[in-house]
Amino acid sequence: QVQLVESGGGLVQAGGSLRLSCAASASIAGLTTMGWYRQAPGKQRELVATITSGGITNYSIPVKGRFTISRDNAKNTVYLQMNSLKPEDTAVYYCKTWRAPGYWGQGTQVTVSS
């Protein structure tokens, strides 16, 4: 029933773009803040961006100006548009809903080559 399914990752060259999608179950997507985290090998998972139910966005310093988070509430889907990608962005990306604080999906791998 509780579901977060990330997709859209892949291999891209530095400077390229990628759009990630997160399909969430309606029970945990509505009327709550959602966001994206990422985790590189051997490193702690870090918050990348958030968006409130009203559309207010926040970004971590490393991605600010390059990434854009958005949501389609009718589709229970959150997106992360990633532009000007850098090798440092390489990580597994996870979406998150504050309505299910202990739940994580499988994530989607983003690899940026130099």
PDB file of N, CA and C in Angstrom:
ATOM      1  N   GLN A   1       0.823  -1.207   0.000  1.00  0.00           N
ATOM      2  CA  GLN A   1       0.000   0.000   0.000  1.00  0.00           C
ATOM      3  C   GLN A   1       0.858   1.259   0.000  1.00  0.00           C
ATOM      4  N   VAL A   2       1.811   1.336   0.919  1.00  0.00           N
ATOM      5  CA  VAL A   2       2.744   2.456   0.946  1.00  0.00           C
ATOM      6  C   VAL A   2       3.791   2.227  -0.130  1.00  0.00           C
ATOM      7  N   GLN A   3       3.954   3.204  -0.998  1.00  0.00           N
ATOM      8  CA  GLN A   3       4.810   3.007  -2.149  1.00  0.00           C
ATOM      9  C   GLN A   3       5.462   4.305  -2.605  1.00  0.00           C
ATOM     10  N   LEU A   4       6.754   4.245  -2.843  1.00  0.00           N
ATOM     11  CA  LEU A   4       7.516   5.311  -3.475  1.00  0.00           C
ATOM     12  C   LEU A   4       8.399   4.658  -4.527  1.00  0.00           C
ATOM     13  N   VAL A   5       8.126   4.945  -5.782  1.00  0.00           N
ATOM     14  CA  VAL A   5       8.853   4.320  -6.879  1.00  0.00           C
ATOM     15  C   VAL A   5       9.569   5.385  -7.682  1.00  0.00           C
ATOM     16  N   GLU A   6      10.888   5.403  -7.563  1.00  0.00           N
ATOM     17  CA  GLU A   6      11.708   6.369  -8.279  1.00  0.00           C
ATOM     18  C   GLU A   6      12.102   5.820  -9.641  1.00  0.00           C
ATOM     19  N   SER A   7      12.206   6.710 -10.613  1.00  0.00           N
ATOM     20  CA  SER A   7      12.624   6.322 -11.948  1.00  0.00           C
ATOM     21  C   SER A   7      13.275   7.506 -12.642  1.00  0.00           C
ATOM     22  N   GLY A   8      13.898   7.243 -13.773  1.00  0.00           N
ATOM     23  CA  GLY A   8      14.480   8.299 -14.584  1.00  0.00           C
ATOM     24  C   GLY A   8      15.980   8.438 -14.480  1.00  0.00           C
ATOM     25  N   GLY A   9      16.601   7.673 -13.602  1.00  0.00           N
ATOM     26  CA  GLY A   9      18.046   7.746 -13.474  1.00  0.00           C
ATOM     27  C   GLY A   9      18.745   7.113 -14.656  1.00  0.00           C
ATOM     28  N   GLY A  10      20.046   7.305 -14.703  1.00  0.00           N
ATOM     29  CA  GLY A  10      20.830   6.743 -15.780  1.00  0.00           C
ATOM     30  C   GLY A  10      22.209   7.340 -15.825  1.00  0.00           C
ATOM     31  N   LEU A  11      22.885   7.096 -16.926  1.00  0.00           N
ATOM     32  CA  LEU A  11      24.233   7.599 -17.144  1.00  0.00           C
ATOM     33  C   LEU A  11      24.177   8.824 -18.045  1.00  0.00           C
ATOM     34  N   VAL A  12      24.823   9.886 -17.621  1.00  0.00           N
ATOM     35  CA  VAL A  12      24.823  11.125 -18.389  1.00  0.00           C
ATOM     36  C   VAL A  12      26.197  11.782 -18.282  1.00  0.00           C
ATOM     37  N   GLN A  13      26.570  12.511 -19.307  1.00  0.00           N
ATOM     38  CA  GLN A  13      27.835  13.236 -19.291  1.00  0.00           C
ATOM     39  C   GLN A  13      27.724  14.506 -18.463  1.00  0.00           C
ATOM     40  N   ALA A  14      28.847  14.935 -17.928  1.00  0.00           N
ATOM     41  CA  ALA A  14      28.877  16.191 -17.190  1.00  0.00           C
ATOM     42  C   ALA A  14      28.326  17.318 -18.051  1.00  0.00           C
ATOM     43  N   GLY A  15      27.497  18.138 -17.436  1.00  0.00           N
ATOM     44  CA  GLY A  15      26.847  19.219 -18.159  1.00  0.00           C
ATOM     45  C   GLY A  15      25.495  18.852 -18.720  1.00  0.00           C
ATOM     46  N   GLY A  16      25.167  17.579 -18.692  1.00  0.00           N
ATOM     47  CA  GLY A  16      23.906  17.116 -19.222  1.00  0.00           C
ATOM     48  C   GLY A  16      22.763  17.269 -18.245  1.00  0.00           C
ATOM     49  N   SER A  17      21.601  16.770 -18.658  1.00  0.00           N
ATOM     50  CA  SER A  17      20.389  16.898 -17.865  1.00  0.00           C
ATOM     51  C   SER A  17      19.699  15.560 -17.707  1.00  0.00           C
ATOM     52  N   LEU A  18      18.912  15.474 -16.658  1.00  0.00           N
ATOM     53  CA  LEU A  18      18.154  14.274 -16.370  1.00  0.00           C
ATOM     54  C   LEU A  18      16.922  14.685 -15.576  1.00  0.00           C
ATOM     55  N   ARG A  19      15.824  13.992 -15.790  1.00  0.00           N
ATOM     56  CA  ARG A  19      14.621  14.243 -15.004  1.00  0.00           C
ATOM     57  C   ARG A  19      14.206  12.989 -14.269  1.00  0.00           C
ATOM     58  N   LEU A  20      14.145  13.084 -12.965  1.00  0.00           N
ATOM     59  CA  LEU A  20      13.720  11.979 -12.128  1.00  0.00           C
ATOM     60  C   LEU A  20      12.243  12.110 -11.794  1.00  0.00           C
ATOM     61  N   SER A  21      11.583  10.978 -11.655  1.00  0.00           N
ATOM     62  CA  SER A  21      10.189  10.946 -11.267  1.00  0.00           C
ATOM     63  C   SER A  21      10.017  10.047 -10.059  1.00  0.00           C
ATOM     64  N   CYS A  22       9.044  10.369  -9.254  1.00  0.00           N
ATOM     65  CA  CYS A  22       8.704   9.556  -8.094  1.00  0.00           C
ATOM     66  C   CYS A  22       7.200   9.398  -8.042  1.00  0.00           C
ATOM     67  N   ALA A  23       6.748   8.186  -8.257  1.00  0.00           N
ATOM     68  CA  ALA A  23       5.333   7.872  -8.159  1.00  0.00           C
ATOM     69  C   ALA A  23       5.043   7.382  -6.748  1.00  0.00           C
ATOM     70  N   ALA A  24       4.164   8.064  -6.077  1.00  0.00           N
ATOM     71  CA  ALA A  24       3.843   7.750  -4.698  1.00  0.00           C
ATOM     72  C   ALA A  24       2.402   7.297  -4.558  1.00  0.00           C
ATOM     73  N   SER A  25       2.154   6.480  -3.570  1.00  0.00           N
ATOM     74  CA  SER A  25       0.783   6.113  -3.266  1.00  0.00           C
ATOM     75  C   SER A  25       0.057   7.330  -2.707  1.00  0.00           C
ATOM     76  N   ALA A  26      -1.200   7.439  -3.025  1.00  0.00           N
ATOM     77  CA  ALA A  26      -1.968   8.620  -2.657  1.00  0.00           C
ATOM     78  C   ALA A  26      -2.022   8.848  -1.154  1.00  0.00           C
ATOM     79  N   SER A  27      -2.010   7.787  -0.394  1.00  0.00           N
ATOM     80  CA  SER A  27      -2.146   7.897   1.053  1.00  0.00           C
ATOM     81  C   SER A  27      -0.986   8.624   1.713  1.00  0.00           C
ATOM     82  N   ILE A  28       0.169   8.660   1.078  1.00  0.00           N
ATOM     83  CA  ILE A  28       1.344   9.291   1.677  1.00  0.00           C
ATOM     84  C   ILE A  28       1.848  10.487   0.886  1.00  0.00           C
ATOM     85  N   ALA A  29       1.190  10.813  -0.203  1.00  0.00           N
ATOM     86  CA  ALA A  29       1.643  11.909  -1.051  1.00  0.00           C
ATOM     87  C   ALA A  29       0.845  13.195  -0.866  1.00  0.00           C
ATOM     88  N   GLY A  30      -0.372  13.080  -0.453  1.00  0.00           N
ATOM     89  CA  GLY A  30      -1.234  14.240  -0.383  1.00  0.00           C
ATOM     90  C   GLY A  30      -1.012  15.114   0.843  1.00  0.00           C
ATOM     91  N   LEU A  31      -1.115  16.409   0.637  1.00  0.00           N
ATOM     92  CA  LEU A  31      -1.086  17.401   1.714  1.00  0.00           C
ATOM     93  C   LEU A  31       0.112  17.240   2.642  1.00  0.00           C
ATOM     94  N   THR A  32       1.264  17.067   2.060  1.00  0.00           N
ATOM     95  CA  THR A  32       2.474  16.933   2.861  1.00  0.00           C
ATOM     96  C   THR A  32       3.684  17.372   2.052  1.00  0.00           C
ATOM     97  N   THR A  33       4.733  17.702   2.753  1.00  0.00           N
ATOM     98  CA  THR A  33       5.991  18.022   2.095  1.00  0.00           C
ATOM     99  C   THR A  33       6.623  16.752   1.525  1.00  0.00           C
ATOM    100  N   MET A  34       7.168  16.860   0.334  1.00  0.00           N
ATOM    101  CA  MET A  34       7.901  15.766  -0.269  1.00  0.00           C
ATOM    102  C   MET A  34       9.264  16.285  -0.714  1.00  0.00           C
ATOM    103  N   GLY A  35      10.171  15.366  -0.937  1.00  0.00           N
ATOM    104  CA  GLY A  35      11.502  15.803  -1.311  1.00  0.00           C
ATOM    105  C   GLY A  35      12.334  14.710  -1.936  1.00  0.00           C
ATOM    106  N   TRP A  36      13.562  15.082  -2.220  1.00  0.00           N
ATOM    107  CA  TRP A  36      14.541  14.166  -2.782  1.00  0.00           C
ATOM    108  C   TRP A  36      15.785  14.139  -1.912  1.00  0.00           C
ATOM    109  N   TYR A  37      16.280  12.944  -1.665  1.00  0.00           N
ATOM    110  CA  TYR A  37      17.560  12.714  -1.019  1.00  0.00           C
ATOM    111  C   TYR A  37      18.480  12.017  -2.013  1.00  0.00           C
ATOM    112  N   ARG A  38      19.752  12.009  -1.687  1.00  0.00           N
ATOM    113  CA  ARG A  38      20.694  11.224  -2.485  1.00  0.00           C
ATOM    114  C   ARG A  38      21.755  10.630  -1.573  1.00  0.00           C
ATOM    115  N   GLN A  39      22.326   9.522  -2.016  1.00  0.00           N
ATOM    116  CA  GLN A  39      23.355   8.846  -1.248  1.00  0.00           C
ATOM    117  C   GLN A  39      24.427   8.306  -2.178  1.00  0.00           C
ATOM    118  N   ALA A  40      25.629   8.802  -2.007  1.00  0.00           N
ATOM    119  CA  ALA A  40      26.777   8.300  -2.738  1.00  0.00           C
ATOM    120  C   ALA A  40      27.370   7.122  -1.978  1.00  0.00           C
ATOM    121  N   PRO A  41      28.095   6.236  -2.660  1.00  0.00           N
ATOM    122  CA  PRO A  41      28.683   5.075  -1.987  1.00  0.00           C
ATOM    123  C   PRO A  41      29.540   5.462  -0.796  1.00  0.00           C
ATOM    124  N   GLY A  42      29.283   4.824   0.335  1.00  0.00           N
ATOM    125  CA  GLY A  42      30.063   5.072   1.534  1.00  0.00           C
ATOM    126  C   GLY A  42      29.760   6.368   2.245  1.00  0.00           C
ATOM    127  N   LYS A  43      28.771   7.105   1.773  1.00  0.00           N
ATOM    128  CA  LYS A  43      28.440   8.384   2.374  1.00  0.00           C
ATOM    129  C   LYS A  43      27.025   8.376   2.943  1.00  0.00           C
ATOM    130  N   GLN A  44      26.781   9.305   3.827  1.00  0.00           N
ATOM    131  CA  GLN A  44      25.474   9.440   4.433  1.00  0.00           C
ATOM    132  C   GLN A  44      24.468  10.002   3.437  1.00  0.00           C
ATOM    133  N   ARG A  45      23.248   9.567   3.574  1.00  0.00           N
ATOM    134  CA  ARG A  45      22.190  10.098   2.737  1.00  0.00           C
ATOM    135  C   ARG A  45      21.970  11.580   3.063  1.00  0.00           C
ATOM    136  N   GLU A  46      21.851  12.405   2.022  1.00  0.00           N
ATOM    137  CA  GLU A  46      21.716  13.833   2.218  1.00  0.00           C
ATOM    138  C   GLU A  46      20.482  14.378   1.511  1.00  0.00           C
ATOM    139  N   LEU A  47      19.901  15.380   2.118  1.00  0.00           N
ATOM    140  CA  LEU A  47      18.728  16.023   1.550  1.00  0.00           C
ATOM    141  C   LEU A  47      19.129  16.912   0.387  1.00  0.00           C
ATOM    142  N   VAL A  48      18.385  16.821  -0.706  1.00  0.00           N
ATOM    143  CA  VAL A  48      18.675  17.582  -1.911  1.00  0.00           C
ATOM    144  C   VAL A  48      17.692  18.724  -2.109  1.00  0.00           C
ATOM    145  N   ALA A  49      16.413  18.417  -2.018  1.00  0.00           N
ATOM    146  CA  ALA A  49      15.386  19.417  -2.280  1.00  0.00           C
ATOM    147  C   ALA A  49      14.080  19.006  -1.633  1.00  0.00           C
ATOM    148  N   THR A  50      13.261  19.985  -1.308  1.00  0.00           N
ATOM    149  CA  THR A  50      11.937  19.727  -0.764  1.00  0.00           C
ATOM    150  C   THR A  50      10.914  20.621  -1.445  1.00  0.00           C
ATOM    151  N   ILE A  51       9.680  20.182  -1.406  1.00  0.00           N
ATOM    152  CA  ILE A  51       8.572  20.982  -1.909  1.00  0.00           C
ATOM    153  C   ILE A  51       7.364  20.736  -1.018  1.00  0.00           C
ATOM    154  N   THR A  52       6.754  21.803  -0.548  1.00  0.00           N
ATOM    155  CA  THR A  52       5.579  21.681   0.293  1.00  0.00           C
ATOM    156  C   THR A  52       4.351  21.409  -0.557  1.00  0.00           C
ATOM    157  N   SER A  53       3.257  21.086   0.115  1.00  0.00           N
ATOM    158  CA  SER A  53       2.014  20.853  -0.596  1.00  0.00           C
ATOM    159  C   SER A  53       1.547  22.101  -1.337  1.00  0.00           C
ATOM    160  N   GLY A  54       1.978  23.262  -0.865  1.00  0.00           N
ATOM    161  CA  GLY A  54       1.635  24.513  -1.511  1.00  0.00           C
ATOM    162  C   GLY A  54       2.616  24.968  -2.570  1.00  0.00           C
ATOM    163  N   GLY A  55       3.674  24.196  -2.784  1.00  0.00           N
ATOM    164  CA  GLY A  55       4.610  24.499  -3.848  1.00  0.00           C
ATOM    165  C   GLY A  55       5.844  25.282  -3.444  1.00  0.00           C
ATOM    166  N   ILE A  56       6.055  25.487  -2.155  1.00  0.00           N
ATOM    167  CA  ILE A  56       7.257  26.179  -1.699  1.00  0.00           C
ATOM    168  C   ILE A  56       8.441  25.229  -1.757  1.00  0.00           C
ATOM    169  N   THR A  57       9.519  25.665  -2.384  1.00  0.00           N
ATOM    170  CA  THR A  57      10.676  24.801  -2.603  1.00  0.00           C
ATOM    171  C   THR A  57      11.891  25.265  -1.826  1.00  0.00           C
ATOM    172  N   ASN A  58      12.752  24.309  -1.505  1.00  0.00           N
ATOM    173  CA  ASN A  58      14.040  24.577  -0.893  1.00  0.00           C
ATOM    174  C   ASN A  58      15.063  23.620  -1.476  1.00  0.00           C
ATOM    175  N   TYR A  59      16.312  24.088  -1.561  1.00  0.00           N
ATOM    176  CA  TYR A  59      17.371  23.306  -2.164  1.00  0.00           C
ATOM    177  C   TYR A  59      18.625  23.343  -1.316  1.00  0.00           C
ATOM    178  N   SER A  60      19.371  22.257  -1.357  1.00  0.00           N
ATOM    179  CA  SER A  60      20.673  22.255  -0.725  1.00  0.00           C
ATOM    180  C   SER A  60      21.618  23.128  -1.540  1.00  0.00           C
ATOM    181  N   ILE A  61      22.640  23.629  -0.883  1.00  0.00           N
ATOM    182  CA  ILE A  61      23.569  24.544  -1.540  1.00  0.00           C
ATOM    183  C   ILE A  61      24.234  23.941  -2.783  1.00  0.00           C
ATOM    184  N   PRO A  62      24.667  22.671  -2.751  1.00  0.00           N
ATOM    185  CA  PRO A  62      25.342  22.125  -3.934  1.00  0.00           C
ATOM    186  C   PRO A  62      24.492  22.061  -5.203  1.00  0.00           C
ATOM    187  N   VAL A  63      23.175  22.010  -5.069  1.00  0.00           N
ATOM    188  CA  VAL A  63      22.327  21.853  -6.247  1.00  0.00           C
ATOM    189  C   VAL A  63      21.528  23.105  -6.585  1.00  0.00           C
ATOM    190  N   LYS A  64      21.553  24.076  -5.730  1.00  0.00           N
ATOM    191  CA  LYS A  64      20.756  25.282  -5.933  1.00  0.00           C
ATOM    192  C   LYS A  64      21.146  25.969  -7.234  1.00  0.00           C
ATOM    193  N   GLY A  65      20.140  26.289  -8.041  1.00  0.00           N
ATOM    194  CA  GLY A  65      20.376  26.906  -9.326  1.00  0.00           C
ATOM    195  C   GLY A  65      20.504  25.924 -10.469  1.00  0.00           C
ATOM    196  N   ARG A  66      20.667  24.650 -10.149  1.00  0.00           N
ATOM    197  CA  ARG A  66      20.815  23.619 -11.171  1.00  0.00           C
ATOM    198  C   ARG A  66      19.651  22.631 -11.189  1.00  0.00           C
ATOM    199  N   PHE A  67      19.084  22.363 -10.021  1.00  0.00           N
ATOM    200  CA  PHE A  67      17.996  21.394  -9.901  1.00  0.00           C
ATOM    201  C   PHE A  67      16.687  22.122  -9.638  1.00  0.00           C
ATOM    202  N   THR A  68      15.600  21.530 -10.106  1.00  0.00           N
ATOM    203  CA  THR A  68      14.273  22.056  -9.852  1.00  0.00           C
ATOM    204  C   THR A  68      13.342  20.930  -9.427  1.00  0.00           C
ATOM    205  N   ILE A  69      12.737  21.084  -8.272  1.00  0.00           N
ATOM    206  CA  ILE A  69      11.767  20.105  -7.796  1.00  0.00           C
ATOM    207  C   ILE A  69      10.364  20.616  -8.106  1.00  0.00           C
ATOM    208  N   SER A  70       9.498  19.710  -8.496  1.00  0.00           N
ATOM    209  CA  SER A  70       8.115  20.059  -8.785  1.00  0.00           C
ATOM    210  C   SER A  70       7.226  18.871  -8.433  1.00  0.00           C
ATOM    211  N   ARG A  71       5.934  19.105  -8.449  1.00  0.00           N
ATOM    212  CA  ARG A  71       5.012  18.017  -8.140  1.00  0.00           C
ATOM    213  C   ARG A  71       3.719  18.166  -8.914  1.00  0.00           C
ATOM    214  N   ASP A  72       3.100  17.041  -9.169  1.00  0.00           N
ATOM    215  CA  ASP A  72       1.793  16.978  -9.789  1.00  0.00           C
ATOM    216  C   ASP A  72       0.904  16.240  -8.804  1.00  0.00           C
ATOM    217  N   ASN A  73       0.153  16.984  -8.038  1.00  0.00           N
ATOM    218  CA  ASN A  73      -0.646  16.373  -6.981  1.00  0.00           C
ATOM    219  C   ASN A  73      -1.734  15.444  -7.522  1.00  0.00           C
ATOM    220  N   ALA A  74      -2.248  15.756  -8.696  1.00  0.00           N
ATOM    221  CA  ALA A  74      -3.276  14.911  -9.292  1.00  0.00           C
ATOM    222  C   ALA A  74      -2.736  13.527  -9.626  1.00  0.00           C
ATOM    223  N   LYS A  75      -1.440  13.455  -9.926  1.00  0.00           N
ATOM    224  CA  LYS A  75      -0.810  12.189 -10.267  1.00  0.00           C
ATOM    225  C   LYS A  75      -0.004  11.600  -9.121  1.00  0.00           C
ATOM    226  N   ASN A  76       0.005  12.271  -7.982  1.00  0.00           N
ATOM    227  CA  ASN A  76       0.789  11.826  -6.833  1.00  0.00           C
ATOM    228  C   ASN A  76       2.251  11.592  -7.219  1.00  0.00           C
ATOM    229  N   THR A  77       2.786  12.524  -7.974  1.00  0.00           N
ATOM    230  CA  THR A  77       4.124  12.366  -8.519  1.00  0.00           C
ATOM    231  C   THR A  77       4.977  13.590  -8.219  1.00  0.00           C
ATOM    232  N   VAL A  78       6.228  13.336  -7.866  1.00  0.00           N
ATOM    233  CA  VAL A  78       7.208  14.387  -7.630  1.00  0.00           C
ATOM    234  C   VAL A  78       8.328  14.232  -8.645  1.00  0.00           C
ATOM    235  N   TYR A  79       8.825  15.356  -9.130  1.00  0.00           N
ATOM    236  CA  TYR A  79       9.868  15.346 -10.139  1.00  0.00           C
ATOM    237  C   TYR A  79      11.099  16.093  -9.651  1.00  0.00           C
ATOM    238  N   LEU A  80      12.225  15.728 -10.217  1.00  0.00           N
ATOM    239  CA  LEU A  80      13.455  16.466  -9.986  1.00  0.00           C
ATOM    240  C   LEU A  80      14.145  16.658 -11.324  1.00  0.00           C
ATOM    241  N   GLN A  81      14.096  17.874 -11.825  1.00  0.00           N
ATOM    242  CA  GLN A  81      14.800  18.218 -13.052  1.00  0.00           C
ATOM    243  C   GLN A  81      16.220  18.612 -12.692  1.00  0.00           C
ATOM    244  N   MET A  82      17.183  17.906 -13.245  1.00  0.00           N
ATOM    245  CA  MET A  82      18.582  18.120 -12.926  1.00  0.00           C
ATOM    246  C   MET A  82      19.309  18.602 -14.173  1.00  0.00           C
ATOM    247  N   ASN A  83      19.830  19.804 -14.103  1.00  0.00           N
ATOM    248  CA  ASN A  83      20.578  20.396 -15.204  1.00  0.00           C
ATOM    249  C   ASN A  83      22.019  20.644 -14.784  1.00  0.00           C
ATOM    250  N   SER A  84      22.869  20.849 -15.765  1.00  0.00           N
ATOM    251  CA  SER A  84      24.286  21.124 -15.514  1.00  0.00           C
ATOM    252  C   SER A  84      24.882  20.122 -14.539  1.00  0.00           C
ATOM    253  N   LEU A  85      24.643  18.864 -14.799  1.00  0.00           N
ATOM    254  CA  LEU A  85      25.073  17.816 -13.889  1.00  0.00           C
ATOM    255  C   LEU A  85      26.590  17.731 -13.788  1.00  0.00           C
ATOM    256  N   LYS A  86      27.038  17.415 -12.584  1.00  0.00           N
ATOM    257  CA  LYS A  86      28.453  17.279 -12.278  1.00  0.00           C
ATOM    258  C   LYS A  86      28.734  15.869 -11.777  1.00  0.00           C
ATOM    259  N   PRO A  87      29.976  15.399 -11.916  1.00  0.00           N
ATOM    260  CA  PRO A  87      30.310  14.083 -11.370  1.00  0.00           C
ATOM    261  C   PRO A  87      29.982  13.953  -9.881  1.00  0.00           C
ATOM    262  N   GLU A  88      30.055  15.041  -9.147  1.00  0.00           N
ATOM    263  CA  GLU A  88      29.735  15.035  -7.727  1.00  0.00           C
ATOM    264  C   GLU A  88      28.265  14.743  -7.447  1.00  0.00           C
ATOM    265  N   ASP A  89      27.426  14.822  -8.474  1.00  0.00           N
ATOM    266  CA  ASP A  89      26.014  14.506  -8.325  1.00  0.00           C
ATOM    267  C   ASP A  89      25.739  13.014  -8.398  1.00  0.00           C
ATOM    268  N   THR A  90      26.739  12.230  -8.719  1.00  0.00           N
ATOM    269  CA  THR A  90      26.572  10.786  -8.820  1.00  0.00           C
ATOM    270  C   THR A  90      26.139  10.207  -7.483  1.00  0.00           C
ATOM    271  N   ALA A  91      25.016   9.509  -7.493  1.00  0.00           N
ATOM    272  CA  ALA A  91      24.454   8.951  -6.267  1.00  0.00           C
ATOM    273  C   ALA A  91      23.190   8.182  -6.610  1.00  0.00           C
ATOM    274  N   VAL A  92      22.690   7.461  -5.632  1.00  0.00           N
ATOM    275  CA  VAL A  92      21.350   6.918  -5.726  1.00  0.00           C
ATOM    276  C   VAL A  92      20.402   7.969  -5.171  1.00  0.00           C
ATOM    277  N   TYR A  93      19.387   8.298  -5.936  1.00  0.00           N
ATOM    278  CA  TYR A  93      18.439   9.330  -5.552  1.00  0.00           C
ATOM    279  C   TYR A  93      17.144   8.697  -5.055  1.00  0.00           C
ATOM    280  N   TYR A  94      16.675   9.194  -3.931  1.00  0.00           N
ATOM    281  CA  TYR A  94      15.467   8.691  -3.301  1.00  0.00           C
ATOM    282  C   TYR A  94      14.470   9.821  -3.110  1.00  0.00           C
ATOM    283  N   CYS A  95      13.213   9.550  -3.368  1.00  0.00           N
ATOM    284  CA  CYS A  95      12.198  10.519  -2.987  1.00  0.00           C
ATOM    285  C   CYS A  95      11.711  10.199  -1.580  1.00  0.00           C
ATOM    286  N   LYS A  96      11.092  11.184  -0.963  1.00  0.00           N
ATOM    287  CA  LYS A  96      10.693  11.046   0.434  1.00  0.00           C
ATOM    288  C   LYS A  96       9.425  11.820   0.691  1.00  0.00           C
ATOM    289  N   THR A  97       8.563  11.248   1.484  1.00  0.00           N
ATOM    290  CA  THR A  97       7.390  11.958   1.965  1.00  0.00           C
ATOM    291  C   THR A  97       7.449  12.037   3.472  1.00  0.00           C
ATOM    292  N   TRP A  98       7.154  13.213   3.982  1.00  0.00           N
ATOM    293  CA  TRP A  98       7.179  13.417   5.429  1.00  0.00           C
ATOM    294  C   TRP A  98       6.020  12.723   6.113  1.00  0.00           C
ATOM    295  N   ARG A  99       5.106  12.204   5.337  1.00  0.00           N
ATOM    296  CA  ARG A  99       3.976  11.467   5.877  1.00  0.00           C
ATOM    297  C   ARG A  99       4.353  10.036   6.255  1.00  0.00           C
ATOM    298  N   ALA A 100       5.469   9.558   5.751  1.00  0.00           N
ATOM    299  CA  ALA A 100       5.998   8.237   6.084  1.00  0.00           C
ATOM    300  C   ALA A 100       7.484   8.370   6.399  1.00  0.00           C
ATOM    301  N   PRO A 101       7.799   8.901   7.572  1.00  0.00           N
ATOM    302  CA  PRO A 101       9.198   9.260   7.874  1.00  0.00           C
ATOM    303  C   PRO A 101      10.167   8.088   7.899  1.00  0.00           C
ATOM    304  N   GLY A 102       9.699   6.883   8.160  1.00  0.00           N
ATOM    305  CA  GLY A 102      10.586   5.737   8.234  1.00  0.00           C
ATOM    306  C   GLY A 102      10.649   4.897   6.976  1.00  0.00           C
ATOM    307  N   TYR A 103      10.024   5.335   5.922  1.00  0.00           N
ATOM    308  CA  TYR A 103       9.928   4.539   4.705  1.00  0.00           C
ATOM    309  C   TYR A 103      10.803   5.082   3.585  1.00  0.00           C
ATOM    310  N   TRP A 104      11.501   4.169   2.931  1.00  0.00           N
ATOM    311  CA  TRP A 104      12.330   4.498   1.767  1.00  0.00           C
ATOM    312  C   TRP A 104      12.049   3.526   0.630  1.00  0.00           C
ATOM    313  N   GLY A 105      12.029   4.046  -0.589  1.00  0.00           N
ATOM    314  CA  GLY A 105      11.908   3.200  -1.760  1.00  0.00           C
ATOM    315  C   GLY A 105      13.261   2.654  -2.173  1.00  0.00           C
ATOM    316  N   GLN A 106      13.333   2.138  -3.384  1.00  0.00           N
ATOM    317  CA  GLN A 106      14.564   1.537  -3.871  1.00  0.00           C
ATOM    318  C   GLN A 106      15.549   2.553  -4.443  1.00  0.00           C
ATOM    319  N   GLY A 107      15.061   3.713  -4.810  1.00  0.00           N
ATOM    320  CA  GLY A 107      15.921   4.735  -5.373  1.00  0.00           C
ATOM    321  C   GLY A 107      16.201   4.514  -6.843  1.00  0.00           C
ATOM    322  N   THR A 108      16.826   5.505  -7.463  1.00  0.00           N
ATOM    323  CA  THR A 108      17.233   5.400  -8.856  1.00  0.00           C
ATOM    324  C   THR A 108      18.653   5.931  -8.996  1.00  0.00           C
ATOM    325  N   GLN A 109      19.476   5.185  -9.698  1.00  0.00           N
ATOM    326  CA  GLN A 109      20.891   5.512  -9.818  1.00  0.00           C
ATOM    327  C   GLN A 109      21.124   6.609 -10.851  1.00  0.00           C
ATOM    328  N   VAL A 110      21.871   7.616 -10.449  1.00  0.00           N
ATOM    329  CA  VAL A 110      22.311   8.674 -11.345  1.00  0.00           C
ATOM    330  C   VAL A 110      23.832   8.652 -11.386  1.00  0.00           C
ATOM    331  N   THR A 111      24.381   8.489 -12.569  1.00  0.00           N
ATOM    332  CA  THR A 111      25.822   8.470 -12.740  1.00  0.00           C
ATOM    333  C   THR A 111      26.214   9.545 -13.744  1.00  0.00           C
ATOM    334  N   VAL A 112      27.086  10.433 -13.326  1.00  0.00           N
ATOM    335  CA  VAL A 112      27.537  11.529 -14.172  1.00  0.00           C
ATOM    336  C   VAL A 112      29.011  11.318 -14.483  1.00  0.00           C
ATOM    337  N   SER A 113      29.320  11.153 -15.743  1.00  0.00           N
ATOM    338  CA  SER A 113      30.694  10.935 -16.160  1.00  0.00           C
ATOM    339  C   SER A 113      31.373  12.262 -16.460  1.00  0.00           C
ATOM    340  N   SER A 114      32.683  12.279 -16.298  1.00  0.00           N
ATOM    341  CA  SER A 114      33.453  13.483 -16.562  1.00  0.00           C
ATOM    342  C   SER A 114      33.964  13.536 -17.984  1.00  0.00           C
TER     343      SER A 114
END
